[in-house]
Full PDB file with SEQRES, HELIX, SHEET, SSBOND, CRYST1, ORIGX, SCALE, CONECT and MASTER records, all heavy atoms in Angstrom:
SEQRES   1 A   38  VAL VAL GLY GLY ILE ALA TRP GLU PHE VAL GLU ARG LEU          
SEQRES   2 A   38  GLN GLU ILE GLY GLY GLY PHE VAL GLU SER PRO LEU GLY          
SEQRES   3 A   38  ASN VAL ALA PHE GLU GLN GLU HIS TYR LYS LEU LEU              
HELIX    1 AA1 ILE A    5  GLU A   15  1                                  11    
HELIX    2 AA2 GLN A   32  LEU A   37  1                                   6    
SHEET    1 AA1 2 GLY A  19  GLU A  22  0                                        
SHEET    2 AA1 2 ASN A  27  PHE A  30 -1                                        
CRYST1    1.000    1.000    1.000  90.00  90.00  90.00 P 1           1          
ORIGX1      1.000000  0.000000  0.000000        0.00000                         
ORIGX2      0.000000  1.000000  0.000000        0.00000                         
ORIGX3      0.000000  0.000000  1.000000        0.00000                         
SCALE1      1.000000  0.000000  0.000000        0.00000                         
SCALE2      0.000000  1.000000  0.000000        0.00000                         
SCALE3      0.000000  0.000000  1.000000        0.00000                         
ATOM      1  N   VAL A   1       4.168 -12.383   3.643  1.00  0.00           N  
ATOM      2  CA  VAL A   1       5.296 -12.565   4.604  1.00  0.00           C  
ATOM      3  C   VAL A   1       5.204 -11.356   5.627  1.00  0.00           C  
ATOM      4  O   VAL A   1       5.466 -11.607   6.793  1.00  0.00           O  
ATOM      5  CB  VAL A   1       6.636 -12.409   3.724  1.00  0.00           C  
ATOM      6  CG1 VAL A   1       7.761 -12.379   4.723  1.00  0.00           C  
ATOM      7  CG2 VAL A   1       6.833 -13.509   2.838  1.00  0.00           C  
ATOM      8  N   VAL A   2       4.721 -10.223   5.194  1.00  0.00           N  
ATOM      9  CA  VAL A   2       4.614  -9.058   6.155  1.00  0.00           C  
ATOM     10  C   VAL A   2       3.159  -8.818   6.268  1.00  0.00           C  
ATOM     11  O   VAL A   2       2.467  -8.481   5.293  1.00  0.00           O  
ATOM     12  CB  VAL A   2       5.438  -7.870   5.755  1.00  0.00           C  
ATOM     13  CG1 VAL A   2       5.232  -6.662   6.640  1.00  0.00           C  
ATOM     14  CG2 VAL A   2       6.957  -8.250   5.661  1.00  0.00           C  
ATOM     15  N   GLY A   3       2.597  -8.859   7.385  1.00  0.00           N  
ATOM     16  CA  GLY A   3       1.232  -8.520   7.630  1.00  0.00           C  
ATOM     17  C   GLY A   3       0.954  -7.514   8.718  1.00  0.00           C  
ATOM     18  O   GLY A   3       1.826  -6.586   8.819  1.00  0.00           O  
ATOM     19  N   GLY A   4      -0.127  -7.593   9.444  1.00  0.00           N  
ATOM     20  CA  GLY A   4      -0.394  -6.649  10.522  1.00  0.00           C  
ATOM     21  C   GLY A   4      -0.585  -5.261  10.120  1.00  0.00           C  
ATOM     22  O   GLY A   4      -1.389  -4.988   9.127  1.00  0.00           O  
ATOM     23  N   ILE A   5      -0.171  -4.271  10.898  1.00  0.00           N  
ATOM     24  CA  ILE A   5      -0.375  -2.788  10.558  1.00  0.00           C  
ATOM     25  C   ILE A   5       0.126  -2.538   9.270  1.00  0.00           C  
ATOM     26  O   ILE A   5      -0.410  -1.655   8.562  1.00  0.00           O  
ATOM     27  CB  ILE A   5       0.182  -2.053  11.764  1.00  0.00           C  
ATOM     28  CG1 ILE A   5      -0.483  -2.339  13.177  1.00  0.00           C  
ATOM     29  CG2 ILE A   5       0.086  -0.586  11.505  1.00  0.00           C  
ATOM     30  CD1 ILE A   5       0.206  -1.792  14.331  1.00  0.00           C  
ATOM     31  N   ALA A   6       1.256  -3.053   8.923  1.00  0.00           N  
ATOM     32  CA  ALA A   6       1.929  -2.690   7.612  1.00  0.00           C  
ATOM     33  C   ALA A   6       1.031  -3.096   6.473  1.00  0.00           C  
ATOM     34  O   ALA A   6       0.841  -2.285   5.525  1.00  0.00           O  
ATOM     35  CB  ALA A   6       3.301  -3.410   7.488  1.00  0.00           C  
ATOM     36  N   TRP A   7       0.317  -4.231   6.572  1.00  0.00           N  
ATOM     37  CA  TRP A   7      -0.481  -4.720   5.531  1.00  0.00           C  
ATOM     38  C   TRP A   7      -1.893  -3.977   5.541  1.00  0.00           C  
ATOM     39  O   TRP A   7      -2.380  -3.573   4.473  1.00  0.00           O  
ATOM     40  CB  TRP A   7      -0.778  -6.242   5.539  1.00  0.00           C  
ATOM     41  CG  TRP A   7      -1.566  -6.665   4.372  1.00  0.00           C  
ATOM     42  CD1 TRP A   7      -2.888  -7.151   4.342  1.00  0.00           C  
ATOM     43  CD2 TRP A   7      -1.120  -6.715   2.956  1.00  0.00           C  
ATOM     44  NE1 TRP A   7      -3.245  -7.447   3.044  1.00  0.00           N  
ATOM     45  CE2 TRP A   7      -2.142  -7.215   2.310  1.00  0.00           C  
ATOM     46  CE3 TRP A   7       0.124  -6.411   2.353  1.00  0.00           C  
ATOM     47  CZ2 TRP A   7      -2.061  -7.362   0.865  1.00  0.00           C  
ATOM     48  CZ3 TRP A   7       0.160  -6.550   0.993  1.00  0.00           C  
ATOM     49  CH2 TRP A   7      -0.885  -7.026   0.301  1.00  0.00           C  
ATOM     50  N   GLU A   8      -2.232  -3.470   6.692  1.00  0.00           N  
ATOM     51  CA  GLU A   8      -3.416  -2.620   6.834  1.00  0.00           C  
ATOM     52  C   GLU A   8      -3.161  -1.309   6.076  1.00  0.00           C  
ATOM     53  O   GLU A   8      -3.976  -0.844   5.457  1.00  0.00           O  
ATOM     54  CB  GLU A   8      -3.766  -2.342   8.332  1.00  0.00           C  
ATOM     55  CG  GLU A   8      -4.886  -1.373   8.523  1.00  0.00           C  
ATOM     56  CD  GLU A   8      -5.083  -0.923   9.908  1.00  0.00           C  
ATOM     57  OE1 GLU A   8      -4.529  -1.587  10.889  1.00  0.00           O  
ATOM     58  OE2 GLU A   8      -5.570   0.163  10.176  1.00  0.00           O  
ATOM     59  N   PHE A   9      -1.895  -0.835   6.407  1.00  0.00           N  
ATOM     60  CA  PHE A   9      -1.533   0.408   5.561  1.00  0.00           C  
ATOM     61  C   PHE A   9      -1.631   0.317   4.113  1.00  0.00           C  
ATOM     62  O   PHE A   9      -2.165   1.172   3.369  1.00  0.00           O  
ATOM     63  CB  PHE A   9      -0.115   0.777   6.032  1.00  0.00           C  
ATOM     64  CG  PHE A   9       0.452   1.985   5.343  1.00  0.00           C  
ATOM     65  CD1 PHE A   9       0.103   3.275   5.786  1.00  0.00           C  
ATOM     66  CD2 PHE A   9       1.304   1.920   4.315  1.00  0.00           C  
ATOM     67  CE1 PHE A   9       0.526   4.456   5.107  1.00  0.00           C  
ATOM     68  CE2 PHE A   9       1.846   3.051   3.631  1.00  0.00           C  
ATOM     69  CZ  PHE A   9       1.370   4.303   3.975  1.00  0.00           C  
ATOM     70  N   VAL A  10      -1.137  -0.913   3.580  1.00  0.00           N  
ATOM     71  CA  VAL A  10      -1.229  -1.113   2.205  1.00  0.00           C  
ATOM     72  C   VAL A  10      -2.646  -1.233   1.643  1.00  0.00           C  
ATOM     73  O   VAL A  10      -2.955  -0.654   0.618  1.00  0.00           O  
ATOM     74  CB  VAL A  10      -0.496  -2.378   1.747  1.00  0.00           C  
ATOM     75  CG1 VAL A  10      -0.634  -2.906   0.303  1.00  0.00           C  
ATOM     76  CG2 VAL A  10       1.025  -2.260   2.136  1.00  0.00           C  
ATOM     77  N   GLU A  11      -3.524  -1.904   2.408  1.00  0.00           N  
ATOM     78  CA  GLU A  11      -4.963  -2.028   1.942  1.00  0.00           C  
ATOM     79  C   GLU A  11      -5.582  -0.646   1.917  1.00  0.00           C  
ATOM     80  O   GLU A  11      -6.311  -0.364   1.101  1.00  0.00           O  
ATOM     81  CB  GLU A  11      -5.544  -2.968   2.850  1.00  0.00           C  
ATOM     82  CG  GLU A  11      -5.147  -4.437   2.651  1.00  0.00           C  
ATOM     83  CD  GLU A  11      -5.912  -5.429   3.664  1.00  0.00           C  
ATOM     84  OE1 GLU A  11      -6.173  -5.093   4.841  1.00  0.00           O  
ATOM     85  OE2 GLU A  11      -6.177  -6.549   3.199  1.00  0.00           O  
ATOM     86  N   ARG A  12      -5.340   0.098   2.988  1.00  0.00           N  
ATOM     87  CA  ARG A  12      -5.933   1.415   3.056  1.00  0.00           C  
ATOM     88  C   ARG A  12      -5.379   2.363   1.978  1.00  0.00           C  
ATOM     89  O   ARG A  12      -6.071   3.210   1.486  1.00  0.00           O  
ATOM     90  CB  ARG A  12      -5.797   1.998   4.463  1.00  0.00           C  
ATOM     91  CG  ARG A  12      -6.645   1.278   5.543  1.00  0.00           C  
ATOM     92  CD  ARG A  12      -6.630   1.800   6.939  1.00  0.00           C  
ATOM     93  NE  ARG A  12      -6.924   3.206   7.005  1.00  0.00           N  
ATOM     94  CZ  ARG A  12      -7.032   3.890   8.171  1.00  0.00           C  
ATOM     95  NH1 ARG A  12      -6.755   3.263   9.374  1.00  0.00           N  
ATOM     96  NH2 ARG A  12      -7.547   5.110   8.176  1.00  0.00           N  
ATOM     97  N   LEU A  13      -4.124   2.171   1.664  1.00  0.00           N  
ATOM     98  CA  LEU A  13      -3.536   3.010   0.604  1.00  0.00           C  
ATOM     99  C   LEU A  13      -4.143   2.694  -0.701  1.00  0.00           C  
ATOM    100  O   LEU A  13      -4.451   3.535  -1.470  1.00  0.00           O  
ATOM    101  CB  LEU A  13      -1.981   2.734   0.521  1.00  0.00           C  
ATOM    102  CG  LEU A  13      -1.088   3.686  -0.166  1.00  0.00           C  
ATOM    103  CD1 LEU A  13      -1.189   5.051   0.348  1.00  0.00           C  
ATOM    104  CD2 LEU A  13       0.296   3.201  -0.224  1.00  0.00           C  
ATOM    105  N   GLN A  14      -4.406   1.488  -0.975  1.00  0.00           N  
ATOM    106  CA  GLN A  14      -5.158   1.131  -2.130  1.00  0.00           C  
ATOM    107  C   GLN A  14      -6.576   1.632  -2.191  1.00  0.00           C  
ATOM    108  O   GLN A  14      -7.049   2.099  -3.284  1.00  0.00           O  
ATOM    109  CB  GLN A  14      -5.244  -0.465  -2.411  1.00  0.00           C  
ATOM    110  CG  GLN A  14      -3.998  -1.114  -2.546  1.00  0.00           C  
ATOM    111  CD  GLN A  14      -4.206  -2.615  -2.743  1.00  0.00           C  
ATOM    112  OE1 GLN A  14      -4.275  -3.271  -3.774  1.00  0.00           O  
ATOM    113  NE2 GLN A  14      -4.155  -3.376  -1.649  1.00  0.00           N  
ATOM    114  N   GLU A  15      -7.283   1.575  -1.114  1.00  0.00           N  
ATOM    115  CA  GLU A  15      -8.612   2.166  -1.045  1.00  0.00           C  
ATOM    116  C   GLU A  15      -8.676   3.662  -1.289  1.00  0.00           C  
ATOM    117  O   GLU A  15      -9.676   4.114  -1.906  1.00  0.00           O  
ATOM    118  CB  GLU A  15      -9.167   1.944   0.436  1.00  0.00           C  
ATOM    119  CG  GLU A  15      -9.474   0.468   0.746  1.00  0.00           C  
ATOM    120  CD  GLU A  15      -9.804   0.314   2.212  1.00  0.00           C  
ATOM    121  OE1 GLU A  15      -9.867   1.347   3.009  1.00  0.00           O  
ATOM    122  OE2 GLU A  15     -10.052  -0.907   2.632  1.00  0.00           O  
ATOM    123  N   ILE A  16      -7.669   4.355  -1.066  1.00  0.00           N  
ATOM    124  CA  ILE A  16      -7.711   5.836  -1.334  1.00  0.00           C  
ATOM    125  C   ILE A  16      -7.060   6.145  -2.622  1.00  0.00           C  
ATOM    126  O   ILE A  16      -6.791   7.329  -3.007  1.00  0.00           O  
ATOM    127  CB  ILE A  16      -7.119   6.677  -0.094  1.00  0.00           C  
ATOM    128  CG1 ILE A  16      -5.638   6.384   0.061  1.00  0.00           C  
ATOM    129  CG2 ILE A  16      -7.905   6.435   1.148  1.00  0.00           C  
ATOM    130  CD1 ILE A  16      -4.993   7.333   0.996  1.00  0.00           C  
ATOM    131  N   GLY A  17      -6.653   5.028  -3.382  1.00  0.00           N  
ATOM    132  CA  GLY A  17      -6.098   5.261  -4.777  1.00  0.00           C  
ATOM    133  C   GLY A  17      -4.596   5.653  -4.700  1.00  0.00           C  
ATOM    134  O   GLY A  17      -4.152   6.145  -5.754  1.00  0.00           O  
ATOM    135  N   GLY A  18      -3.911   5.327  -3.705  1.00  0.00           N  
ATOM    136  CA  GLY A  18      -2.485   5.650  -3.704  1.00  0.00           C  
ATOM    137  C   GLY A  18      -1.592   4.592  -3.627  1.00  0.00           C  
ATOM    138  O   GLY A  18      -0.367   4.737  -3.429  1.00  0.00           O  
ATOM    139  N   GLY A  19      -2.041   3.321  -3.763  1.00  0.00           N  
ATOM    140  CA  GLY A  19      -1.178   2.151  -3.777  1.00  0.00           C  
ATOM    141  C   GLY A  19      -1.509   1.093  -4.770  1.00  0.00           C  
ATOM    142  O   GLY A  19      -2.758   0.982  -4.997  1.00  0.00           O  
ATOM    143  N   PHE A  20      -0.569   0.345  -5.274  1.00  0.00           N  
ATOM    144  CA  PHE A  20      -0.836  -0.723  -6.255  1.00  0.00           C  
ATOM    145  C   PHE A  20       0.065  -1.924  -5.961  1.00  0.00           C  
ATOM    146  O   PHE A  20       1.277  -1.774  -6.086  1.00  0.00           O  
ATOM    147  CB  PHE A  20      -0.604  -0.125  -7.660  1.00  0.00           C  
ATOM    148  CG  PHE A  20      -1.075   1.217  -7.865  1.00  0.00           C  
ATOM    149  CD1 PHE A  20      -0.236   2.396  -7.502  1.00  0.00           C  
ATOM    150  CD2 PHE A  20      -2.233   1.535  -8.297  1.00  0.00           C  
ATOM    151  CE1 PHE A  20      -0.575   3.675  -7.638  1.00  0.00           C  
ATOM    152  CE2 PHE A  20      -2.728   2.899  -8.457  1.00  0.00           C  
ATOM    153  CZ  PHE A  20      -1.858   3.881  -8.103  1.00  0.00           C  
ATOM    154  N   VAL A  21      -0.548  -2.994  -5.552  1.00  0.00           N  
ATOM    155  CA  VAL A  21       0.232  -4.222  -5.200  1.00  0.00           C  
ATOM    156  C   VAL A  21       0.576  -4.875  -6.518  1.00  0.00           C  
ATOM    157  O   VAL A  21      -0.247  -5.246  -7.309  1.00  0.00           O  
ATOM    158  CB  VAL A  21      -0.602  -5.153  -4.256  1.00  0.00           C  
ATOM    159  CG1 VAL A  21       0.232  -6.331  -3.980  1.00  0.00           C  
ATOM    160  CG2 VAL A  21      -0.999  -4.378  -3.006  1.00  0.00           C  
ATOM    161  N   GLU A  22       1.855  -5.262  -6.595  1.00  0.00           N  
ATOM    162  CA  GLU A  22       2.354  -5.986  -7.795  1.00  0.00           C  
ATOM    163  C   GLU A  22       2.591  -7.441  -7.342  1.00  0.00           C  
ATOM    164  O   GLU A  22       3.206  -7.725  -6.394  1.00  0.00           O  
ATOM    165  CB  GLU A  22       3.698  -5.276  -8.191  1.00  0.00           C  
ATOM    166  CG  GLU A  22       3.608  -3.911  -8.529  1.00  0.00           C  
ATOM    167  CD  GLU A  22       4.922  -3.201  -8.852  1.00  0.00           C  
ATOM    168  OE1 GLU A  22       5.941  -3.701  -8.328  1.00  0.00           O  
ATOM    169  OE2 GLU A  22       5.019  -2.202  -9.596  1.00  0.00           O  
ATOM    170  N   SER A  23       1.838  -8.356  -8.177  1.00  0.00           N  
ATOM    171  CA  SER A  23       2.056  -9.704  -7.969  1.00  0.00           C  
ATOM    172  C   SER A  23       2.867 -10.312  -9.139  1.00  0.00           C  
ATOM    173  O   SER A  23       2.897  -9.853 -10.257  1.00  0.00           O  
ATOM    174  CB  SER A  23       0.790 -10.345  -7.958  1.00  0.00           C  
ATOM    175  OG  SER A  23      -0.084  -9.904  -6.874  1.00  0.00           O  
ATOM    176  N   PRO A  24       3.639 -11.449  -8.798  1.00  0.00           N  
ATOM    177  CA  PRO A  24       3.818 -12.052  -7.438  1.00  0.00           C  
ATOM    178  C   PRO A  24       4.736 -11.531  -6.451  1.00  0.00           C  
ATOM    179  O   PRO A  24       4.991 -12.081  -5.446  1.00  0.00           O  
ATOM    180  CB  PRO A  24       4.227 -13.481  -7.883  1.00  0.00           C  
ATOM    181  CG  PRO A  24       5.175 -13.326  -9.081  1.00  0.00           C  
ATOM    182  CD  PRO A  24       4.473 -12.051  -9.756  1.00  0.00           C  
ATOM    183  N   LEU A  25       5.535 -10.429  -6.873  1.00  0.00           N  
ATOM    184  CA  LEU A  25       6.657  -9.983  -6.020  1.00  0.00           C  
ATOM    185  C   LEU A  25       6.168  -9.405  -4.731  1.00  0.00           C  
ATOM    186  O   LEU A  25       6.913  -9.467  -3.746  1.00  0.00           O  
ATOM    187  CB  LEU A  25       7.431  -8.941  -6.868  1.00  0.00           C  
ATOM    188  CG  LEU A  25       8.291  -9.455  -7.935  1.00  0.00           C  
ATOM    189  CD1 LEU A  25       9.160  -8.327  -8.510  1.00  0.00           C  
ATOM    190  CD2 LEU A  25       9.208 -10.514  -7.560  1.00  0.00           C  
ATOM    191  N   GLY A  26       5.040  -8.821  -4.711  1.00  0.00           N  
ATOM    192  CA  GLY A  26       4.558  -8.235  -3.431  1.00  0.00           C  
ATOM    193  C   GLY A  26       5.060  -6.852  -3.193  1.00  0.00           C  
ATOM    194  O   GLY A  26       5.193  -6.518  -2.082  1.00  0.00           O  
ATOM    195  N   ASN A  27       5.685  -6.264  -4.192  1.00  0.00           N  
ATOM    196  CA  ASN A  27       6.001  -4.809  -4.123  1.00  0.00           C  
ATOM    197  C   ASN A  27       4.782  -3.951  -4.165  1.00  0.00           C  
ATOM    198  O   ASN A  27       3.730  -4.391  -4.714  1.00  0.00           O  
ATOM    199  CB  ASN A  27       6.902  -4.405  -5.201  1.00  0.00           C  
ATOM    200  CG  ASN A  27       8.310  -5.083  -5.116  1.00  0.00           C  
ATOM    201  OD1 ASN A  27       8.797  -5.383  -4.090  1.00  0.00           O  
ATOM    202  ND2 ASN A  27       8.909  -5.235  -6.284  1.00  0.00           N  
ATOM    203  N   VAL A  28       4.766  -2.710  -3.488  1.00  0.00           N  
ATOM    204  CA  VAL A  28       3.705  -1.816  -3.517  1.00  0.00           C  
ATOM    205  C   VAL A  28       4.111  -0.504  -4.150  1.00  0.00           C  
ATOM    206  O   VAL A  28       4.861   0.194  -3.552  1.00  0.00           O  
ATOM    207  CB  VAL A  28       3.110  -1.660  -2.156  1.00  0.00           C  
ATOM    208  CG1 VAL A  28       1.948  -0.637  -2.236  1.00  0.00           C  
ATOM    209  CG2 VAL A  28       2.646  -2.995  -1.530  1.00  0.00           C  
ATOM    210  N   ALA A  29       3.786  -0.317  -5.420  1.00  0.00           N  
ATOM    211  CA  ALA A  29       3.921   1.083  -5.935  1.00  0.00           C  
ATOM    212  C   ALA A  29       2.970   2.077  -5.340  1.00  0.00           C  
ATOM    213  O   ALA A  29       1.868   1.668  -5.023  1.00  0.00           O  
ATOM    214  CB  ALA A  29       3.774   1.006  -7.489  1.00  0.00           C  
ATOM    215  N   PHE A  30       3.456   3.244  -5.106  1.00  0.00           N  
ATOM    216  CA  PHE A  30       2.479   4.178  -4.391  1.00  0.00           C  
ATOM    217  C   PHE A  30       2.791   5.677  -4.897  1.00  0.00           C  
ATOM    218  O   PHE A  30       3.796   5.884  -5.596  1.00  0.00           O  
ATOM    219  CB  PHE A  30       2.885   4.213  -2.965  1.00  0.00           C  
ATOM    220  CG  PHE A  30       4.328   4.502  -2.529  1.00  0.00           C  
ATOM    221  CD1 PHE A  30       4.537   5.892  -2.267  1.00  0.00           C  
ATOM    222  CD2 PHE A  30       5.376   3.653  -2.468  1.00  0.00           C  
ATOM    223  CE1 PHE A  30       5.879   6.331  -1.923  1.00  0.00           C  
ATOM    224  CE2 PHE A  30       6.658   3.983  -2.189  1.00  0.00           C  
ATOM    225  CZ  PHE A  30       6.902   5.383  -1.929  1.00  0.00           C  
ATOM    226  N   GLU A  31       1.854   6.478  -4.519  1.00  0.00           N  
ATOM    227  CA  GLU A  31       1.986   7.861  -4.767  1.00  0.00           C  
ATOM    228  C   GLU A  31       2.300   8.603  -3.473  1.00  0.00           C  
ATOM    229  O   GLU A  31       1.643   8.413  -2.517  1.00  0.00           O  
ATOM    230  CB  GLU A  31       0.488   8.336  -5.406  1.00  0.00           C  
ATOM    231  CG  GLU A  31       0.589   9.675  -6.054  1.00  0.00           C  
ATOM    232  CD  GLU A  31       0.509  10.883  -5.013  1.00  0.00           C  
ATOM    233  OE1 GLU A  31      -0.237  10.776  -4.057  1.00  0.00           O  
ATOM    234  OE2 GLU A  31       1.304  11.823  -5.201  1.00  0.00           O  
ATOM    235  N   GLN A  32       3.311   9.464  -3.535  1.00  0.00           N  
ATOM    236  CA  GLN A  32       3.826   9.954  -2.240  1.00  0.00           C  
ATOM    237  C   GLN A  32       2.793  10.783  -1.441  1.00  0.00           C  
ATOM    238  O   GLN A  32       2.902  10.555  -0.168  1.00  0.00           O  
ATOM    239  CB  GLN A  32       5.083  10.844  -2.592  1.00  0.00           C  
ATOM    240  CG  GLN A  32       6.355  10.002  -2.843  1.00  0.00           C  
ATOM    241  CD  GLN A  32       6.569   9.699  -4.288  1.00  0.00           C  
ATOM    242  OE1 GLN A  32       5.559   9.968  -5.170  1.00  0.00           O  
ATOM    243  NE2 GLN A  32       7.566   8.964  -4.624  1.00  0.00           N  
ATOM    244  N   GLU A  33       2.007  11.545  -2.013  1.00  0.00           N  
ATOM    245  CA  GLU A  33       1.194  12.429  -1.230  1.00  0.00           C  
ATOM    246  C   GLU A  33       0.032  11.547  -0.461  1.00  0.00           C  
ATOM    247  O   GLU A  33      -0.268  11.839   0.725  1.00  0.00           O  
ATOM    248  CB  GLU A  33       0.535  13.488  -2.076  1.00  0.00           C  
ATOM    249  CG  GLU A  33       1.521  14.531  -2.664  1.00  0.00           C  
ATOM    250  CD  GLU A  33       2.329  15.174  -1.626  1.00  0.00           C  
ATOM    251  OE1 GLU A  33       1.806  15.506  -0.559  1.00  0.00           O  
ATOM    252  OE2 GLU A  33       3.608  15.246  -1.814  1.00  0.00           O  
ATOM    253  N   HIS A  34      -0.374  10.491  -1.168  1.00  0.00           N  
ATOM    254  CA  HIS A  34      -1.290   9.646  -0.502  1.00  0.00           C  
ATOM    255  C   HIS A  34      -0.600   8.869   0.644  1.00  0.00           C  
ATOM    256  O   HIS A  34      -1.186   8.678   1.700  1.00  0.00           O  
ATOM    257  CB  HIS A  34      -1.890   8.618  -1.459  1.00  0.00           C  
ATOM    258  CG  HIS A  34      -2.912   9.062  -2.403  1.00  0.00           C  
ATOM    259  ND1 HIS A  34      -2.577   9.764  -3.522  1.00  0.00           N  
ATOM    260  CD2 HIS A  34      -4.279   9.197  -2.358  1.00  0.00           C  
ATOM    261  CE1 HIS A  34      -3.716  10.141  -4.169  1.00  0.00           C  
ATOM    262  NE2 HIS A  34      -4.681   9.843  -3.437  1.00  0.00           N  
ATOM    263  N   TYR A  35       0.606   8.479   0.510  1.00  0.00           N  
ATOM    264  CA  TYR A  35       1.430   7.788   1.560  1.00  0.00           C  
ATOM    265  C   TYR A  35       1.534   8.812   2.736  1.00  0.00           C  
ATOM    266  O   TYR A  35       1.239   8.320   3.988  1.00  0.00           O  
ATOM    267  CB  TYR A  35       2.782   7.508   0.981  1.00  0.00           C  
ATOM    268  CG  TYR A  35       3.569   6.586   1.792  1.00  0.00           C  
ATOM    269  CD1 TYR A  35       4.009   5.352   1.350  1.00  0.00           C  
ATOM    270  CD2 TYR A  35       4.037   6.965   3.100  1.00  0.00           C  
ATOM    271  CE1 TYR A  35       4.839   4.457   2.040  1.00  0.00           C  
ATOM    272  CE2 TYR A  35       4.888   6.080   3.896  1.00  0.00           C  
ATOM    273  CZ  TYR A  35       5.215   4.848   3.317  1.00  0.00           C  
ATOM    274  OH  TYR A  35       6.113   3.998   4.088  1.00  0.00           O  
ATOM    275  N   LYS A  36       1.917   9.943   2.464  1.00  0.00           N  
ATOM    276  CA  LYS A  36       2.051  11.007   3.741  1.00  0.00           C  
ATOM    277  C   LYS A  36       0.718  11.068   4.379  1.00  0.00           C  
ATOM    278  O   LYS A  36       0.683  11.050   5.630  1.00  0.00           O  
ATOM    279  CB  LYS A  36       2.377  12.367   3.120  1.00  0.00           C  
ATOM    280  CG  LYS A  36       3.743  12.505   2.491  1.00  0.00           C  
ATOM    281  CD  LYS A  36       4.003  13.873   2.069  1.00  0.00           C  
ATOM    282  CE  LYS A  36       5.181  14.175   1.199  1.00  0.00           C  
ATOM    283  NZ  LYS A  36       5.360  15.498   0.596  1.00  0.00           N  
ATOM    284  N   LEU A  37      -0.342  11.301   3.646  1.00  0.00           N  
ATOM    285  CA  LEU A  37      -1.709  11.446   4.206  1.00  0.00           C  
ATOM    286  C   LEU A  37      -2.101  10.324   5.065  1.00  0.00           C  
ATOM    287  O   LEU A  37      -2.573  10.383   6.208  1.00  0.00           O  
ATOM    288  CB  LEU A  37      -2.704  11.708   3.145  1.00  0.00           C  
ATOM    289  CG  LEU A  37      -4.180  11.778   3.623  1.00  0.00           C  
ATOM    290  CD1 LEU A  37      -4.318  13.149   4.475  1.00  0.00           C  
ATOM    291  CD2 LEU A  37      -5.102  11.891   2.406  1.00  0.00           C  
ATOM    292  N   LEU A  38      -1.947   9.054   4.582  1.00  0.00           N  
ATOM    293  CA  LEU A  38      -2.402   7.861   5.259  1.00  0.00           C  
ATOM    294  C   LEU A  38      -1.521   7.624   6.539  1.00  0.00           C  
ATOM    295  O   LEU A  38      -2.130   7.269   7.498  1.00  0.00           O  
ATOM    296  CB  LEU A  38      -2.443   6.744   4.284  1.00  0.00           C  
ATOM    297  CG  LEU A  38      -2.978   5.412   5.002  1.00  0.00           C  
ATOM    298  CD1 LEU A  38      -4.497   5.647   5.506  1.00  0.00           C  
ATOM    299  CD2 LEU A  38      -2.958   4.320   3.960  1.00  0.00           C  
TER     300      LEU A  38                                                      
MASTER        0    0    0    2    2    0    0    6  299    1    0    3          
END                                                                             
């Protein structure tokens, strides 16, 4: 539903080990310090 730069942020957050996409809800659990950094 939400793509673009926001989804790029999610994908890059996963790449650095700071995000976890939950299916099917599409929530993204995250680690705060990785979020700040990215």
